[in-house]
Amino acid sequence: MANGEEFESGMVADVEEWLLSHGDHPEADELRAKLDAQRNIWLRGHRDVMGFAYLTLGRVS
């Protein structure tokens, strides 16, 4: 898995695991919809237009 996929998957892993064990929770549908929307943008939206850039910024001391 490339770094972008690891990053995106890692960001939502905790919420996805929570949803697996709390699927009947009153907030589950809202969280699931947010994750689906984020995944849709990630997989079908911004990758073709913007791509990815990871920067590490620092200053010389």
PDB file of N, CA and C in Angstrom:
ATOM      1  N   MET A   1       0.852  -1.170   0.000  1.00  0.00           N
ATOM      2  CA  MET A   1       0.000   0.000   0.000  1.00  0.00           C
ATOM      3  C   MET A   1       0.903   1.239   0.000  1.00  0.00           C
ATOM      4  N   ALA A   2       0.621   2.181  -0.853  1.00  0.00           N
ATOM      5  CA  ALA A   2       1.413   3.405  -0.929  1.00  0.00           C
ATOM      6  C   ALA A   2       1.124   4.304   0.272  1.00  0.00           C
ATOM      7  N   ASN A   3       2.001   5.257   0.506  1.00  0.00           N
ATOM      8  CA  ASN A   3       1.865   6.139   1.675  1.00  0.00           C
ATOM      9  C   ASN A   3       0.526   6.844   1.746  1.00  0.00           C
ATOM     10  N   GLY A   4       0.009   7.326   0.626  1.00  0.00           N
ATOM     11  CA  GLY A   4      -1.280   8.018   0.630  1.00  0.00           C
ATOM     12  C   GLY A   4      -2.404   7.121   1.098  1.00  0.00           C
ATOM     13  N   GLU A   5      -2.390   5.876   0.635  1.00  0.00           N
ATOM     14  CA  GLU A   5      -3.424   4.931   1.042  1.00  0.00           C
ATOM     15  C   GLU A   5      -3.299   4.591   2.521  1.00  0.00           C
ATOM     16  N   GLU A   6      -2.066   4.412   3.006  1.00  0.00           N
ATOM     17  CA  GLU A   6      -1.858   4.133   4.431  1.00  0.00           C
ATOM     18  C   GLU A   6      -2.348   5.299   5.277  1.00  0.00           C
ATOM     19  N   PHE A   7      -2.047   6.510   4.848  1.00  0.00           N
ATOM     20  CA  PHE A   7      -2.461   7.697   5.585  1.00  0.00           C
ATOM     21  C   PHE A   7      -3.980   7.794   5.647  1.00  0.00           C
ATOM     22  N   GLU A   8      -4.626   7.700   4.476  1.00  0.00           N
ATOM     23  CA  GLU A   8      -6.082   7.823   4.424  1.00  0.00           C
ATOM     24  C   GLU A   8      -6.763   6.704   5.199  1.00  0.00           C
ATOM     25  N   SER A   9      -6.285   5.479   5.037  1.00  0.00           N
ATOM     26  CA  SER A   9      -6.881   4.352   5.748  1.00  0.00           C
ATOM     27  C   SER A   9      -6.679   4.477   7.249  1.00  0.00           C
ATOM     28  N   GLY A  10      -5.510   4.922   7.655  1.00  0.00           N
ATOM     29  CA  GLY A  10      -5.222   5.077   9.080  1.00  0.00           C
ATOM     30  C   GLY A  10      -6.068   6.146   9.739  1.00  0.00           C
ATOM     31  N   MET A  11      -6.408   7.184   8.972  1.00  0.00           N
ATOM     32  CA  MET A  11      -7.218   8.274   9.538  1.00  0.00           C
ATOM     33  C   MET A  11      -8.603   7.800   9.951  1.00  0.00           C
ATOM     34  N   VAL A  12      -9.150   6.845   9.245  1.00  0.00           N
ATOM     35  CA  VAL A  12     -10.522   6.427   9.507  1.00  0.00           C
ATOM     36  C   VAL A  12     -10.626   5.054  10.169  1.00  0.00           C
ATOM     37  N   ALA A  13      -9.520   4.383  10.373  1.00  0.00           N
ATOM     38  CA  ALA A  13      -9.546   3.013  10.896  1.00  0.00           C
ATOM     39  C   ALA A  13     -10.248   2.927  12.247  1.00  0.00           C
ATOM     40  N   ASP A  14      -9.948   3.832  13.157  1.00  0.00           N
ATOM     41  CA  ASP A  14     -10.568   3.790  14.488  1.00  0.00           C
ATOM     42  C   ASP A  14     -12.087   3.948  14.407  1.00  0.00           C
ATOM     43  N   VAL A  15     -12.532   4.866  13.567  1.00  0.00           N
ATOM     44  CA  VAL A  15     -13.977   5.086  13.437  1.00  0.00           C
ATOM     45  C   VAL A  15     -14.635   3.870  12.780  1.00  0.00           C
ATOM     46  N   GLU A  16     -13.985   3.297  11.781  1.00  0.00           N
ATOM     47  CA  GLU A  16     -14.546   2.110  11.136  1.00  0.00           C
ATOM     48  C   GLU A  16     -14.635   0.936  12.121  1.00  0.00           C
ATOM     49  N   GLU A  17     -13.622   0.764  12.950  1.00  0.00           N
ATOM     50  CA  GLU A  17     -13.662  -0.296  13.957  1.00  0.00           C
ATOM     51  C   GLU A  17     -14.779  -0.033  14.966  1.00  0.00           C
ATOM     52  N   TRP A  18     -14.933   1.226  15.349  1.00  0.00           N
ATOM     53  CA  TRP A  18     -16.004   1.577  16.281  1.00  0.00           C
ATOM     54  C   TRP A  18     -17.363   1.255  15.657  1.00  0.00           C
ATOM     55  N   LEU A  19     -17.538   1.592  14.384  1.00  0.00           N
ATOM     56  CA  LEU A  19     -18.799   1.322  13.708  1.00  0.00           C
ATOM     57  C   LEU A  19     -19.105  -0.173  13.650  1.00  0.00           C
ATOM     58  N   LEU A  20     -18.075  -0.998  13.494  1.00  0.00           N
ATOM     59  CA  LEU A  20     -18.299  -2.443  13.463  1.00  0.00           C
ATOM     60  C   LEU A  20     -18.885  -2.953  14.776  1.00  0.00           C
ATOM     61  N   SER A  21     -18.452  -2.354  15.884  1.00  0.00           N
ATOM     62  CA  SER A  21     -18.961  -2.828  17.173  1.00  0.00           C
ATOM     63  C   SER A  21     -20.160  -2.046  17.697  1.00  0.00           C
ATOM     64  N   HIS A  22     -20.460  -0.905  17.083  1.00  0.00           N
ATOM     65  CA  HIS A  22     -21.563  -0.066  17.565  1.00  0.00           C
ATOM     66  C   HIS A  22     -22.490   0.338  16.417  1.00  0.00           C
ATOM     67  N   GLY A  23     -22.752  -0.580  15.519  1.00  0.00           N
ATOM     68  CA  GLY A  23     -23.557  -0.282  14.338  1.00  0.00           C
ATOM     69  C   GLY A  23     -24.961   0.208  14.633  1.00  0.00           C
ATOM     70  N   ASP A  24     -25.471  -0.094  15.833  1.00  0.00           N
ATOM     71  CA  ASP A  24     -26.830   0.333  16.179  1.00  0.00           C
ATOM     72  C   ASP A  24     -26.849   1.609  17.022  1.00  0.00           C
ATOM     73  N   HIS A  25     -25.706   2.218  17.226  1.00  0.00           N
ATOM     74  CA  HIS A  25     -25.614   3.460  17.999  1.00  0.00           C
ATOM     75  C   HIS A  25     -26.340   4.571  17.235  1.00  0.00           C
ATOM     76  N   PRO A  26     -26.978   5.504  17.952  1.00  0.00           N
ATOM     77  CA  PRO A  26     -27.716   6.594  17.280  1.00  0.00           C
ATOM     78  C   PRO A  26     -26.855   7.450  16.344  1.00  0.00           C
ATOM     79  N   GLU A  27     -25.561   7.545  16.592  1.00  0.00           N
ATOM     80  CA  GLU A  27     -24.695   8.368  15.737  1.00  0.00           C
ATOM     81  C   GLU A  27     -24.021   7.573  14.625  1.00  0.00           C
ATOM     82  N   ALA A  28     -24.252   6.277  14.568  1.00  0.00           N
ATOM     83  CA  ALA A  28     -23.566   5.426  13.602  1.00  0.00           C
ATOM     84  C   ALA A  28     -23.871   5.813  12.155  1.00  0.00           C
ATOM     85  N   ASP A  29     -25.115   6.071  11.841  1.00  0.00           N
ATOM     86  CA  ASP A  29     -25.470   6.417  10.460  1.00  0.00           C
ATOM     87  C   ASP A  29     -24.791   7.703   9.999  1.00  0.00           C
ATOM     88  N   GLU A  30     -24.738   8.691  10.885  1.00  0.00           N
ATOM     89  CA  GLU A  30     -24.093   9.960  10.540  1.00  0.00           C
ATOM     90  C   GLU A  30     -22.591   9.760  10.322  1.00  0.00           C
ATOM     91  N   LEU A  31     -21.942   9.014  11.199  1.00  0.00           N
ATOM     92  CA  LEU A  31     -20.509   8.745  11.046  1.00  0.00           C
ATOM     93  C   LEU A  31     -20.229   7.958   9.768  1.00  0.00           C
ATOM     94  N   ARG A  32     -21.062   6.973   9.497  1.00  0.00           N
ATOM     95  CA  ARG A  32     -20.895   6.162   8.297  1.00  0.00           C
ATOM     96  C   ARG A  32     -21.027   7.029   7.047  1.00  0.00           C
ATOM     97  N   ALA A  33     -21.974   7.943   7.047  1.00  0.00           N
ATOM     98  CA  ALA A  33     -22.168   8.841   5.900  1.00  0.00           C
ATOM     99  C   ALA A  33     -20.961   9.754   5.708  1.00  0.00           C
ATOM    100  N   LYS A  34     -20.400  10.256   6.806  1.00  0.00           N
ATOM    101  CA  LYS A  34     -19.212  11.111   6.706  1.00  0.00           C
ATOM    102  C   LYS A  34     -18.024  10.339   6.154  1.00  0.00           C
ATOM    103  N   LEU A  35     -17.832   9.111   6.629  1.00  0.00           N
ATOM    104  CA  LEU A  35     -16.731   8.287   6.123  1.00  0.00           C
ATOM    105  C   LEU A  35     -16.922   7.966   4.648  1.00  0.00           C
ATOM    106  N   ASP A  36     -18.156   7.652   4.259  1.00  0.00           N
ATOM    107  CA  ASP A  36     -18.434   7.356   2.857  1.00  0.00           C
ATOM    108  C   ASP A  36     -18.154   8.568   1.973  1.00  0.00           C
ATOM    109  N   ALA A  37     -18.540   9.754   2.431  1.00  0.00           N
ATOM    110  CA  ALA A  37     -18.294  10.977   1.657  1.00  0.00           C
ATOM    111  C   ALA A  37     -16.796  11.247   1.538  1.00  0.00           C
ATOM    112  N   GLN A  38     -16.063  11.081   2.632  1.00  0.00           N
ATOM    113  CA  GLN A  38     -14.620  11.298   2.608  1.00  0.00           C
ATOM    114  C   GLN A  38     -13.937  10.296   1.675  1.00  0.00           C
ATOM    115  N   ARG A  39     -14.347   9.040   1.758  1.00  0.00           N
ATOM    116  CA  ARG A  39     -13.765   8.008   0.897  1.00  0.00           C
ATOM    117  C   ARG A  39     -14.083   8.282  -0.565  1.00  0.00           C
ATOM    118  N   ASN A  40     -15.277   8.748  -0.854  1.00  0.00           N
ATOM    119  CA  ASN A  40     -15.656   9.070  -2.226  1.00  0.00           C
ATOM    120  C   ASN A  40     -14.766  10.177  -2.800  1.00  0.00           C
ATOM    121  N   ILE A  41     -14.515  11.196  -2.003  1.00  0.00           N
ATOM    122  CA  ILE A  41     -13.629  12.284  -2.453  1.00  0.00           C
ATOM    123  C   ILE A  41     -12.221  11.745  -2.668  1.00  0.00           C
ATOM    124  N   TRP A  42     -11.754  10.947  -1.727  1.00  0.00           N
ATOM    125  CA  TRP A  42     -10.396  10.408  -1.808  1.00  0.00           C
ATOM    126  C   TRP A  42     -10.214   9.517  -3.031  1.00  0.00           C
ATOM    127  N   LEU A  43     -11.159   8.618  -3.276  1.00  0.00           N
ATOM    128  CA  LEU A  43     -11.008   7.654  -4.360  1.00  0.00           C
ATOM    129  C   LEU A  43     -11.406   8.191  -5.728  1.00  0.00           C
ATOM    130  N   ARG A  44     -12.370   9.110  -5.780  1.00  0.00           N
ATOM    131  CA  ARG A  44     -12.905   9.536  -7.071  1.00  0.00           C
ATOM    132  C   ARG A  44     -12.737  11.016  -7.367  1.00  0.00           C
ATOM    133  N   GLY A  45     -12.218  11.770  -6.410  1.00  0.00           N
ATOM    134  CA  GLY A  45     -12.197  13.213  -6.591  1.00  0.00           C
ATOM    135  C   GLY A  45     -10.829  13.806  -6.757  1.00  0.00           C
ATOM    136  N   HIS A  46     -10.213  14.165  -5.679  1.00  0.00           N
ATOM    137  CA  HIS A  46      -9.023  15.005  -5.710  1.00  0.00           C
ATOM    138  C   HIS A  46      -7.776  14.336  -6.244  1.00  0.00           C
ATOM    139  N   ARG A  47      -7.717  13.034  -6.321  1.00  0.00           N
ATOM    140  CA  ARG A  47      -6.475  12.373  -6.746  1.00  0.00           C
ATOM    141  C   ARG A  47      -6.114  12.707  -8.186  1.00  0.00           C
ATOM    142  N   ASP A  48      -7.091  12.786  -9.072  1.00  0.00           N
ATOM    143  CA  ASP A  48      -6.787  13.074 -10.467  1.00  0.00           C
ATOM    144  C   ASP A  48      -6.391  14.527 -10.682  1.00  0.00           C
ATOM    145  N   VAL A  49      -6.922  15.408  -9.879  1.00  0.00           N
ATOM    146  CA  VAL A  49      -6.688  16.829 -10.084  1.00  0.00           C
ATOM    147  C   VAL A  49      -5.453  17.308  -9.331  1.00  0.00           C
ATOM    148  N   MET A  50      -5.401  17.011  -8.039  1.00  0.00           N
ATOM    149  CA  MET A  50      -4.357  17.587  -7.206  1.00  0.00           C
ATOM    150  C   MET A  50      -3.197  16.645  -6.909  1.00  0.00           C
ATOM    151  N   GLY A  51      -3.451  15.375  -6.806  1.00  0.00           N
ATOM    152  CA  GLY A  51      -2.400  14.456  -6.416  1.00  0.00           C
ATOM    153  C   GLY A  51      -2.087  14.604  -4.936  1.00  0.00           C
ATOM    154  N   PHE A  52      -0.921  14.178  -4.546  1.00  0.00           N
ATOM    155  CA  PHE A  52      -0.522  14.236  -3.151  1.00  0.00           C
ATOM    156  C   PHE A  52       0.833  14.912  -3.015  1.00  0.00           C
ATOM    157  N   ALA A  53       1.000  15.595  -1.918  1.00  0.00           N
ATOM    158  CA  ALA A  53       2.298  16.161  -1.584  1.00  0.00           C
ATOM    159  C   ALA A  53       2.460  16.091  -0.066  1.00  0.00           C
ATOM    160  N   TYR A  54       3.559  15.546   0.385  1.00  0.00           N
ATOM    161  CA  TYR A  54       3.861  15.498   1.809  1.00  0.00           C
ATOM    162  C   TYR A  54       5.120  16.300   2.033  1.00  0.00           C
ATOM    163  N   LEU A  55       5.038  17.275   2.898  1.00  0.00           N
ATOM    164  CA  LEU A  55       6.171  18.141   3.168  1.00  0.00           C
ATOM    165  C   LEU A  55       6.577  18.026   4.622  1.00  0.00           C
ATOM    166  N   THR A  56       7.859  18.019   4.847  1.00  0.00           N
ATOM    167  CA  THR A  56       8.380  18.110   6.206  1.00  0.00           C
ATOM    168  C   THR A  56       9.122  19.430   6.283  1.00  0.00           C
ATOM    169  N   LEU A  57       8.611  20.306   7.130  1.00  0.00           N
ATOM    170  CA  LEU A  57       9.192  21.633   7.232  1.00  0.00           C
ATOM    171  C   LEU A  57      10.038  21.727   8.506  1.00  0.00           C
ATOM    172  N   GLY A  58      11.073  22.462   8.413  1.00  0.00           N
ATOM    173  CA  GLY A  58      11.939  22.687   9.561  1.00  0.00           C
ATOM    174  C   GLY A  58      12.767  23.942   9.325  1.00  0.00           C
ATOM    175  N   ARG A  59      13.536  24.259  10.303  1.00  0.00           N
ATOM    176  CA  ARG A  59      14.423  25.413  10.109  1.00  0.00           C
ATOM    177  C   ARG A  59      15.801  25.059  10.623  1.00  0.00           C
ATOM    178  N   VAL A  60      16.753  25.635  10.004  1.00  0.00           N
ATOM    179  CA  VAL A  60      18.134  25.399  10.401  1.00  0.00           C
ATOM    180  C   VAL A  60      18.409  26.183  11.670  1.00  0.00           C
ATOM    181  N   SER A  61      18.982  25.498  12.668  1.00  0.00           N
ATOM    182  CA  SER A  61      19.259  26.216  13.900  1.00  0.00           C
ATOM    183  C   SER A  61      20.663  26.759  13.953  1.00  0.00           C
TER     184      SER A  61
END
